[in-house]
Amino acid sequence: MRSSKITRRQLLKYSAAAMAIPTIVPSSVFGANAPSERVNLAVIGCGDKANGGMQNFMNHTQSQVVALCDPNRKNLEATAGRAKVGKDGCYEDYRELLARKDVDAVLVGTPDHWHVPISIAAVNAGKDVYCEKPLSNTIHEGRALVNAVQKNKRIFQHGTQLRSNVYNRKVCELVRNGYLGDVRKVVIGSPAGHATGDHPVEPVPEWLNWNLWQGPVEPMGYRSIIIGGIPGKGLRGWYFVERFSLAGWIAGYGVHDIDLAQWGLGTEDTGPVTVEGKGVYPKKGLFNTVLTYDLEYTYADGRKIIVTDTGRNRHGVTFHHENKKDWLYCRSNFDASNRDLLKIKLKESDTKLYESAIHERNFIECDKTPHNTNPTCENSHRSIIICLIGGICLKLGRKLQWDPKTEKFVNDDEANKLLRYDMRKPWQV
């Protein structure tokens, strides 16, 4: 999977004649951190989120950024300066970048609607992929991505970084091993969405390829707030425009916490059988994804996951014992109704969960010595499904029956039509 570089053995062979000449060779030329042994990474989508992930990769001695892509030339040029990538390594169209043979892996940091089309194109081109959350915009897309990753035998990492947090792993291990008792309910608080007023269509700036930026979705007129920051929020507007982010902030943010709930419950390869709830949507304006919400998911064994906005519940994931008194909480830290629970040390016979300290480091380690990332692509697909069927439930305004094996709603043609959308040509999944 590495780029074609001269090996140390070849170097010594071809340089034998020069051995008589005293030479000092830097230690960095050889070994695991030699340029020829590093993972050559390309970044596709050069916004704020991707720049954060890119920096983590740049801080890793066994990876190097060699190429960038974005139809937004302002973002592209700014990121090129940070990554020290020259003009010959900058691209507007991701298809040109993926044709490069020296790129081993890509960081997909685009808006949601591009995650799957670009990730599938990357694995089909023989690249490993680190993709920011949410995994997909539709359930059909997510399954297609899992299939492509497995078919091409590529390494894939999803940007649910909470998996690489010691506090979250500790709580999920305590729950998985029964130290909290019989957990029957998980309560999640996740941030609410945002609304805005009407925004008239604006001229497309010369530094933006707006047609390519929109890609597979139905095109709309350009508004600067879509790709720019929401005043006072530090968030891009596209997060809250349905055609770019179908389930809105439930998927864009909530997938982090739902993924932890799945990890703790040990339901990573399945999902709920019903979903019901209600949500409040903007009455007008450009942003049209859900604002506040209250969702209840029920599994086949009766366990429930409750997902609401943070106006109703604490931000994070709380696992509840059946008596409703004892609980364990996690997100960027941990807490408990009885803090002695947090001091428990696992026994040798207990289930130990995948340990990773830094998400991007986990990806590089898996890339260099192929093995599953934390989480796997399948696990990530199962978590985003929960977000997406919640979005469909709120959109239709009624309880839905879900079959986690077939990944379809039960006897509900109206709901099943929302499992995918027709992409604009030439893009397809």
Protein backbone atom coordinates (compact mmCIF):
# COMPACT_ATOMS: atom_id res chain seq x y z
CA MET A 1 0.00 0.00 0.00
CA ARG A 2 3.00 2.29 0.34
CA SER A 3 4.35 4.50 -2.41
CA SER A 4 7.14 3.16 -4.62
CA LYS A 5 10.34 4.32 -2.93
CA ILE A 6 13.88 2.96 -2.88
CA THR A 7 14.36 0.60 0.08
CA ARG A 8 17.23 0.60 2.54
CA ARG A 9 18.49 -2.74 1.14
CA GLN A 10 18.59 -1.29 -2.40
CA LEU A 11 20.24 1.90 -1.18
CA LEU A 12 23.04 -0.03 0.51
CA LYS A 13 23.51 -2.24 -2.55
CA TYR A 14 23.69 0.61 -5.05
CA SER A 15 25.86 2.71 -2.75
CA ALA A 16 28.48 0.05 -2.00
CA ALA A 17 31.02 1.80 -4.20
CA ALA A 18 30.69 4.94 -2.15
CA MET A 19 31.34 3.28 1.20
CA ALA A 20 34.96 4.41 1.20
CA ILE A 21 33.84 8.01 1.41
CA PRO A 22 33.07 9.13 5.02
CA THR A 23 29.37 10.00 5.15
CA ILE A 24 26.96 11.02 7.90
CA VAL A 25 23.40 9.81 7.19
CA PRO A 26 20.56 11.22 9.34
CA SER A 27 18.76 8.52 11.33
CA SER A 28 15.45 9.75 9.91
CA VAL A 29 16.41 8.32 6.50
CA PHE A 30 15.87 4.77 7.79
CA GLY A 31 13.47 3.08 10.18
CA ALA A 32 9.74 3.32 10.79
CA ASN A 33 9.69 7.10 10.51
CA ALA A 34 11.59 7.33 7.24
CA PRO A 35 9.75 9.26 4.51
CA SER A 36 9.42 6.06 2.45
CA GLU A 37 7.66 4.32 5.36
CA ARG A 38 5.18 7.07 6.20
CA VAL A 39 1.55 6.98 5.14
CA ASN A 40 1.01 9.49 2.34
CA LEU A 41 -2.25 11.23 3.19
CA ALA A 42 -4.51 13.42 1.07
CA VAL A 43 -7.16 15.72 2.56
CA ILE A 44 -10.42 16.10 0.61
CA GLY A 45 -12.51 18.96 1.94
CA CYS A 46 -10.38 21.63 3.63
CA GLY A 47 -12.79 23.22 6.10
CA ASP A 48 -12.41 23.69 9.84
CA LYS A 49 -13.16 20.10 10.84
CA ALA A 50 -10.78 18.62 8.30
CA ASN A 51 -8.00 21.00 9.37
CA GLY A 52 -8.31 19.78 12.95
CA GLY A 53 -8.03 16.15 11.89
CA MET A 54 -5.23 16.99 9.46
CA GLN A 55 -3.19 18.53 12.28
CA ASN A 56 -3.48 15.32 14.29
CA PHE A 57 -2.15 13.41 11.30
CA MET A 58 0.65 15.93 10.82
CA ASN A 59 1.63 15.48 14.47
CA HIS A 60 2.08 11.74 13.84
CA THR A 61 5.62 10.79 12.83
CA GLN A 62 4.40 8.02 10.52
CA SER A 63 2.13 10.08 8.27
CA GLN A 64 2.62 13.03 5.95
CA VAL A 65 0.15 15.19 4.00
CA VAL A 66 1.01 15.20 0.30
CA ALA A 67 -2.15 16.45 -1.44
CA LEU A 68 -5.27 18.54 -0.85
CA CYS A 69 -8.62 19.00 -2.59
CA ASP A 70 -11.47 21.48 -2.29
CA PRO A 71 -13.72 23.32 -4.79
CA ASN A 72 -13.45 26.26 -2.36
CA ARG A 73 -10.14 27.83 -3.40
CA LYS A 74 -9.92 30.03 -0.28
CA ASN A 75 -10.04 26.97 1.98
CA LEU A 76 -7.67 25.09 -0.30
CA GLU A 77 -5.01 27.81 -0.30
CA ALA A 78 -5.24 28.39 3.45
CA THR A 79 -4.88 24.67 4.19
CA ALA A 80 -2.02 24.33 1.71
CA GLY A 81 -0.13 26.93 3.72
CA ARG A 82 -0.66 25.03 6.97
CA ALA A 83 0.24 21.66 5.43
CA LYS A 84 3.12 23.06 3.36
CA VAL A 85 1.70 21.48 0.19
CA GLY A 86 2.69 23.12 -3.10
CA LYS A 87 0.42 24.03 -6.01
CA ASP A 88 1.14 20.72 -7.73
CA GLY A 89 -0.47 18.97 -4.75
CA CYS A 90 -3.69 21.04 -4.77
CA TYR A 91 -6.84 19.97 -6.62
CA GLU A 92 -10.35 21.26 -7.19
CA ASP A 93 -11.78 17.88 -8.26
CA TYR A 94 -11.30 14.88 -5.97
CA ARG A 95 -11.27 12.50 -8.95
CA GLU A 96 -7.99 13.96 -10.16
CA LEU A 97 -6.45 13.59 -6.71
CA LEU A 98 -7.55 9.97 -6.36
CA ALA A 99 -5.75 9.14 -9.61
CA ARG A 100 -2.42 9.79 -7.88
CA LYS A 101 -0.54 6.54 -7.22
CA ASP A 102 1.52 7.98 -4.37
CA VAL A 103 -1.51 8.64 -2.14
CA ASP A 104 -2.04 5.83 0.38
CA ALA A 105 -4.98 7.22 2.33
CA VAL A 106 -7.44 10.11 2.37
CA LEU A 107 -9.10 12.18 5.05
CA VAL A 108 -12.65 12.99 3.89
CA GLY A 109 -13.64 16.22 5.64
CA THR A 110 -16.35 17.41 3.26
CA PRO A 111 -19.97 18.35 4.02
CA ASP A 112 -22.22 15.35 4.78
CA HIS A 113 -23.62 14.83 1.28
CA TRP A 114 -20.16 14.07 -0.10
CA HIS A 115 -18.95 11.59 2.54
CA VAL A 116 -20.07 8.38 0.86
CA PRO A 117 -19.53 9.19 -2.85
CA ILE A 118 -15.95 10.29 -2.19
CA SER A 119 -15.21 7.49 0.30
CA ILE A 120 -16.42 4.83 -2.14
CA ALA A 121 -14.40 6.38 -4.96
CA ALA A 122 -11.34 6.36 -2.68
CA VAL A 123 -11.57 2.70 -1.63
CA ASN A 124 -12.26 1.73 -5.24
CA ALA A 125 -9.02 3.54 -6.11
CA GLY A 126 -7.14 1.48 -3.54
CA LYS A 127 -6.94 4.15 -0.82
CA ASP A 128 -7.66 3.73 2.88
CA VAL A 129 -10.14 6.26 4.28
CA TYR A 130 -10.60 8.32 7.42
CA CYS A 131 -14.06 9.91 7.11
CA GLU A 132 -15.48 12.58 9.38
CA LYS A 133 -18.93 12.11 10.91
CA PRO A 134 -21.66 11.47 10.06
CA LEU A 135 -20.83 8.35 8.08
CA SER A 136 -23.62 8.81 5.55
CA ASN A 137 -26.59 10.93 4.56
CA THR A 138 -28.87 7.95 3.88
CA ILE A 139 -29.05 4.31 4.96
CA HIS A 140 -28.70 3.12 1.36
CA GLU A 141 -25.44 5.09 1.07
CA GLY A 142 -24.08 3.70 4.33
CA ARG A 143 -24.63 0.07 3.34
CA ALA A 144 -23.06 0.73 -0.07
CA LEU A 145 -19.99 2.14 1.67
CA VAL A 146 -19.64 -0.84 4.01
CA ASN A 147 -19.87 -3.18 1.01
CA ALA A 148 -17.24 -1.20 -0.92
CA VAL A 149 -14.82 -1.16 2.03
CA GLN A 150 -15.19 -4.91 2.51
CA LYS A 151 -14.97 -5.71 -1.21
CA ASN A 152 -11.77 -3.69 -1.63
CA LYS A 153 -10.31 -4.86 1.70
CA ARG A 154 -9.47 -1.30 2.72
CA ILE A 155 -8.91 0.27 6.13
CA PHE A 156 -11.74 2.64 7.10
CA GLN A 157 -12.05 4.85 10.18
CA HIS A 158 -15.09 6.94 11.14
CA GLY A 159 -14.55 10.24 12.94
CA THR A 160 -16.43 9.31 16.13
CA GLN A 161 -13.50 10.32 18.31
CA LEU A 162 -15.31 9.61 21.58
CA ARG A 163 -14.31 5.97 21.07
CA SER A 164 -10.72 7.02 21.69
CA ASN A 165 -11.42 8.50 25.12
CA VAL A 166 -10.36 6.59 28.24
CA TYR A 167 -13.39 7.74 30.26
CA ASN A 168 -15.87 6.55 27.66
CA ARG A 169 -14.16 3.19 27.27
CA LYS A 170 -14.13 2.73 31.06
CA VAL A 171 -17.86 3.40 31.42
CA CYS A 172 -18.77 1.20 28.46
CA GLU A 173 -16.65 -1.63 29.89
CA LEU A 174 -18.37 -1.31 33.26
CA VAL A 175 -21.77 -1.50 31.58
CA ARG A 176 -20.80 -4.38 29.27
CA ASN A 177 -19.51 -6.42 32.22
CA GLY A 178 -22.59 -5.91 34.38
CA TYR A 179 -21.10 -3.70 37.09
CA LEU A 180 -24.10 -1.38 36.84
CA GLY A 181 -26.51 -4.31 36.85
CA ASP A 182 -29.27 -4.75 34.30
CA VAL A 183 -29.19 -1.63 32.13
CA ARG A 184 -32.60 -1.14 30.56
CA LYS A 185 -32.36 2.48 29.43
CA VAL A 186 -29.79 4.87 28.00
CA VAL A 187 -30.56 8.59 28.02
CA ILE A 188 -28.72 10.89 25.62
CA GLY A 189 -28.67 14.68 25.50
CA SER A 190 -27.33 16.18 22.27
CA PRO A 191 -27.29 19.79 21.01
CA ALA A 192 -30.36 21.27 19.31
CA GLY A 193 -30.39 22.47 15.73
CA HIS A 194 -30.38 26.07 14.50
CA ALA A 195 -32.74 28.32 12.58
CA THR A 196 -32.09 31.36 10.44
CA GLY A 197 -34.08 33.82 8.40
CA ASP A 198 -34.52 34.02 4.65
CA HIS A 199 -31.36 34.58 2.64
CA PRO A 200 -31.59 35.81 -0.95
CA VAL A 201 -29.56 34.14 -3.69
CA GLU A 202 -26.12 35.74 -4.09
CA PRO A 203 -23.59 35.79 -6.92
CA VAL A 204 -21.21 32.85 -6.72
CA PRO A 205 -17.74 34.14 -5.69
CA GLU A 206 -14.92 33.58 -8.16
CA TRP A 207 -13.00 31.40 -5.69
CA LEU A 208 -15.78 28.77 -5.45
CA ASN A 209 -16.90 26.02 -7.85
CA TRP A 210 -20.45 26.00 -6.53
CA ASN A 211 -21.67 23.34 -8.95
CA LEU A 212 -18.98 20.88 -7.86
CA TRP A 213 -19.43 21.80 -4.18
CA GLN A 214 -23.10 20.73 -4.44
CA GLY A 215 -22.22 17.61 -6.41
CA PRO A 216 -24.84 14.83 -6.16
CA VAL A 217 -27.69 16.82 -4.56
CA GLU A 218 -30.37 18.88 -6.30
CA PRO A 219 -28.74 22.26 -6.95
CA MET A 220 -29.86 25.48 -5.30
CA GLY A 221 -28.86 29.12 -5.44
CA TYR A 222 -25.69 30.13 -3.61
CA ARG A 223 -25.94 31.78 -0.18
CA SER A 224 -22.79 32.68 1.69
CA ILE A 225 -24.16 31.45 5.03
CA ILE A 226 -24.29 27.88 3.67
CA ILE A 227 -20.52 27.58 3.43
CA GLY A 228 -19.70 30.39 5.85
CA GLY A 229 -20.01 30.42 9.61
CA ILE A 230 -23.28 31.13 11.40
CA PRO A 231 -22.75 34.41 13.29
CA GLY A 232 -21.93 33.70 16.92
CA LYS A 233 -22.15 29.91 16.52
CA GLY A 234 -18.95 28.88 14.79
CA LEU A 235 -20.87 26.35 12.69
CA ARG A 236 -21.27 26.15 8.92
CA GLY A 237 -24.77 26.71 7.61
CA TRP A 238 -24.88 23.57 5.49
CA TYR A 239 -25.26 21.47 8.65
CA PHE A 240 -28.84 22.74 8.87
CA VAL A 241 -29.93 22.69 5.21
CA GLU A 242 -31.71 19.39 4.57
CA ARG A 243 -30.39 18.64 1.10
CA PHE A 244 -26.83 18.70 2.43
CA SER A 245 -27.55 17.08 5.82
CA LEU A 246 -30.78 15.06 5.69
CA ALA A 247 -31.20 14.36 9.41
CA GLY A 248 -29.61 17.63 10.52
CA TRP A 249 -27.87 17.83 13.85
CA ILE A 250 -29.25 14.48 15.09
CA ALA A 251 -26.81 12.81 12.71
CA GLY A 252 -24.23 15.58 12.44
CA TYR A 253 -23.64 15.72 16.18
CA GLY A 254 -25.80 13.07 17.85
CA VAL A 255 -24.01 10.14 16.19
CA HIS A 256 -21.12 10.58 18.64
CA ASP A 257 -23.34 9.83 21.62
CA ILE A 258 -25.49 7.20 19.93
CA ASP A 259 -22.32 5.35 18.96
CA LEU A 260 -21.24 5.30 22.63
CA ALA A 261 -24.65 3.93 23.64
CA GLN A 262 -24.28 1.12 21.10
CA TRP A 263 -20.74 0.42 22.36
CA GLY A 264 -21.85 0.20 25.97
CA LEU A 265 -24.92 -1.93 25.26
CA GLY A 266 -23.01 -4.31 23.00
CA THR A 267 -25.48 -3.71 20.16
CA GLU A 268 -22.91 -2.51 17.62
CA ASP A 269 -23.99 -5.00 14.96
CA THR A 270 -27.74 -4.51 15.27
CA GLY A 271 -30.23 -1.78 16.15
CA PRO A 272 -33.68 -0.94 17.52
CA VAL A 273 -36.94 -2.39 16.22
CA THR A 274 -39.11 0.69 16.79
CA VAL A 275 -38.63 4.45 16.88
CA GLU A 276 -41.11 7.11 17.94
CA GLY A 277 -40.92 10.74 18.93
CA LYS A 278 -41.54 14.32 17.96
CA GLY A 279 -39.55 17.32 16.92
CA VAL A 280 -39.87 21.04 16.21
CA TYR A 281 -38.78 22.41 12.83
CA PRO A 282 -38.18 25.99 11.67
CA LYS A 283 -41.40 27.51 10.32
CA LYS A 284 -39.54 29.46 7.66
CA GLY A 285 -36.07 30.42 6.49
CA LEU A 286 -33.16 28.72 4.76
CA PHE A 287 -32.40 26.25 7.56
CA ASN A 288 -34.99 23.46 7.55
CA THR A 289 -33.65 20.62 9.73
CA VAL A 290 -35.01 19.72 13.17
CA LEU A 291 -34.45 22.14 16.06
CA THR A 292 -35.56 20.38 19.27
CA TYR A 293 -36.45 16.70 19.48
CA ASP A 294 -37.42 13.80 21.73
CA LEU A 295 -36.91 10.28 20.35
CA GLU A 296 -37.39 6.84 21.89
CA TYR A 297 -35.80 3.74 20.35
CA THR A 298 -36.76 0.26 21.56
CA TYR A 299 -34.69 -2.88 20.97
CA ALA A 300 -36.03 -6.41 20.55
CA ASP A 301 -35.17 -7.24 24.19
CA GLY A 302 -37.04 -4.18 25.49
CA ARG A 303 -34.04 -1.98 26.21
CA LYS A 304 -34.45 1.65 25.20
CA ILE A 305 -32.33 4.56 24.04
CA ILE A 306 -33.84 8.00 24.64
CA VAL A 307 -32.35 10.81 22.53
CA THR A 308 -33.31 14.43 23.17
CA ASP A 309 -31.82 17.87 22.73
CA THR A 310 -29.80 19.21 25.67
CA GLY A 311 -32.71 21.37 26.76
CA ARG A 312 -34.23 18.16 28.13
CA ASN A 313 -31.23 16.07 29.19
CA ARG A 314 -27.58 16.44 30.15
CA HIS A 315 -25.18 16.56 27.21
CA GLY A 316 -23.74 13.08 26.95
CA VAL A 317 -24.70 9.45 27.56
CA THR A 318 -26.22 8.11 30.79
CA PHE A 319 -26.71 4.36 31.31
CA HIS A 320 -29.49 3.59 33.81
CA HIS A 321 -29.96 0.49 35.98
CA GLU A 322 -33.43 -1.04 35.89
CA ASN A 323 -34.27 0.43 39.31
CA LYS A 324 -33.78 3.92 37.78
CA LYS A 325 -31.55 5.03 40.68
CA ASP A 326 -28.07 3.87 39.75
CA TRP A 327 -26.41 5.29 36.66
CA LEU A 328 -23.13 5.79 34.82
CA TYR A 329 -22.44 8.81 32.62
CA CYS A 330 -19.79 9.50 30.00
CA ARG A 331 -18.73 11.86 27.26
CA SER A 332 -15.49 13.84 27.58
CA ASN A 333 -15.42 12.77 31.23
CA PHE A 334 -17.32 10.32 33.42
CA ASP A 335 -19.65 10.41 36.41
CA ALA A 336 -21.81 8.02 38.42
CA SER A 337 -24.58 7.91 41.00
CA ASN A 338 -22.07 6.01 43.16
CA ARG A 339 -18.56 7.14 42.29
CA ASP A 340 -17.11 3.93 43.73
CA LEU A 341 -18.27 2.36 40.46
CA LEU A 342 -15.64 4.41 38.64
CA LYS A 343 -12.88 2.89 40.79
CA ILE A 344 -13.66 -0.68 39.79
CA LYS A 345 -10.80 -2.51 38.08
CA LEU A 346 -11.77 -5.09 35.51
CA LYS A 347 -10.98 -8.75 36.15
CA GLU A 348 -8.92 -10.80 33.74
CA SER A 349 -12.09 -12.64 32.73
CA ASP A 350 -14.01 -9.43 31.94
CA THR A 351 -14.72 -8.19 28.43
CA LYS A 352 -12.11 -5.60 27.41
CA LEU A 353 -13.07 -3.06 24.77
CA TYR A 354 -10.84 -1.83 21.95
CA GLU A 355 -8.27 0.60 23.37
CA SER A 356 -7.17 3.58 21.27
CA ALA A 357 -5.74 6.82 22.61
CA ILE A 358 -5.94 9.14 19.59
CA HIS A 359 -8.40 8.43 16.81
CA GLU A 360 -6.15 9.51 13.94
CA ARG A 361 -3.25 7.54 15.44
CA ASN A 362 -5.50 4.47 15.53
CA PHE A 363 -6.13 4.90 11.80
CA ILE A 364 -2.43 5.19 10.96
CA GLU A 365 -1.58 2.14 13.08
CA CYS A 366 -4.29 0.13 11.33
CA ASP A 367 -3.14 1.40 7.94
CA LYS A 368 0.47 0.33 8.49
CA THR A 369 -0.38 -3.05 10.06
CA PRO A 370 -3.84 -3.83 8.66
CA HIS A 371 -6.44 -4.60 11.31
CA ASN A 372 -9.85 -3.23 12.26
CA THR A 373 -10.20 0.36 13.41
CA ASN A 374 -12.19 1.52 16.44
CA PRO A 375 -15.02 1.41 15.40
CA THR A 376 -15.33 -0.69 12.26
CA CYS A 377 -17.18 0.62 9.22
CA GLU A 378 -20.03 -1.80 9.98
CA ASN A 379 -20.28 -0.53 13.58
CA SER A 380 -20.36 3.06 12.33
CA HIS A 381 -23.07 2.26 9.81
CA ARG A 382 -25.22 0.73 12.55
CA SER A 383 -24.85 3.86 14.69
CA ILE A 384 -25.71 6.30 11.91
CA ILE A 385 -28.76 4.20 11.03
CA ILE A 386 -30.21 5.07 14.44
CA CYS A 387 -29.76 8.77 13.73
CA LEU A 388 -31.23 8.53 10.23
CA ILE A 389 -34.33 6.51 11.12
CA GLY A 390 -34.89 9.02 13.93
CA GLY A 391 -34.79 11.80 11.35
CA ILE A 392 -37.30 9.94 9.16
CA CYS A 393 -39.57 9.34 12.16
CA LEU A 394 -39.61 13.06 12.98
CA LYS A 395 -40.16 13.99 9.36
CA LEU A 396 -43.18 11.68 9.03
CA GLY A 397 -44.44 12.45 12.54
CA ARG A 398 -45.32 8.89 13.54
CA LYS A 399 -44.01 5.70 15.14
CA LEU A 400 -42.07 3.40 12.81
CA GLN A 401 -41.22 -0.31 12.89
CA TRP A 402 -37.63 -1.07 11.85
CA ASP A 403 -35.97 -4.34 10.84
CA PRO A 404 -32.23 -4.12 11.62
CA LYS A 405 -31.52 -7.27 9.55
CA THR A 406 -33.05 -6.09 6.28
CA GLU A 407 -32.39 -2.42 7.05
CA LYS A 408 -35.89 -1.49 6.01
CA PHE A 409 -39.05 -0.25 7.68
CA VAL A 410 -41.68 -2.93 8.19
CA ASN A 411 -44.65 -2.69 5.79
CA ASP A 412 -44.13 1.04 5.27
CA ASP A 413 -43.53 2.10 1.67
CA GLU A 414 -43.68 5.80 2.52
CA ALA A 415 -40.88 5.51 5.06
CA ASN A 416 -38.80 3.17 2.88
CA LYS A 417 -38.76 5.74 0.08
CA LEU A 418 -36.72 7.95 2.41
CA LEU A 419 -33.90 5.42 2.77
CA ARG A 420 -32.22 6.92 -0.31
CA TYR A 421 -32.47 9.80 -2.77
CA ASP A 422 -31.80 10.09 -6.48
CA MET A 423 -28.39 11.63 -7.01
CA ARG A 424 -27.67 14.17 -9.70
CA LYS A 425 -25.72 12.73 -12.60
CA PRO A 426 -22.94 11.73 -13.00
CA TRP A 427 -22.77 10.80 -9.33
CA GLN A 428 -24.32 7.61 -8.02
CA VAL A 429 -23.97 5.11 -5.18
